[in-house]
Amino acid sequence: MDAGFYTTTNKEHAKVFAQKVGERRESEKCYINIYETADIEYIVPRLIKSVMDEMGLEENDAFTMLYTSELYEKLDREETKLWHLSVPTLFDMLKEEMETNVITYPEEA
């Protein structure tokens, strides 16, 4: 995966991702810095790729896992500042949530 881009042949996945990005851009609930939005746009595809590679999941299952997780809900909220964490750290947090139903936030969060 290059430069944070994620390619998919599944039109539904592309639509869901575009919708999530659009919801962030159109949100009136809080101020969203363009750089933070861009971070999410780069993080999500890389995180999905990590889920697929590390957990052996198919693309559809990886999307479902991420978008239904508490971690994604928190990541999508600007005030949590989780977007500044590395993809490997976020992946570890997602994996922990899936295994234990608990998320441990690193001290840097």
Foldseek 3Di string as FASTA:
>chain_A
DPPLDADDPDVVLVVVLVVLLVCLVPDPPDDDDPVLSVLVSSLVRVLLVCCCVVVVDDSVVSSVLLVPDPLNVLSSDVVNVPSVDDSVLSNVQSVCCVVPVDGDDDPVD
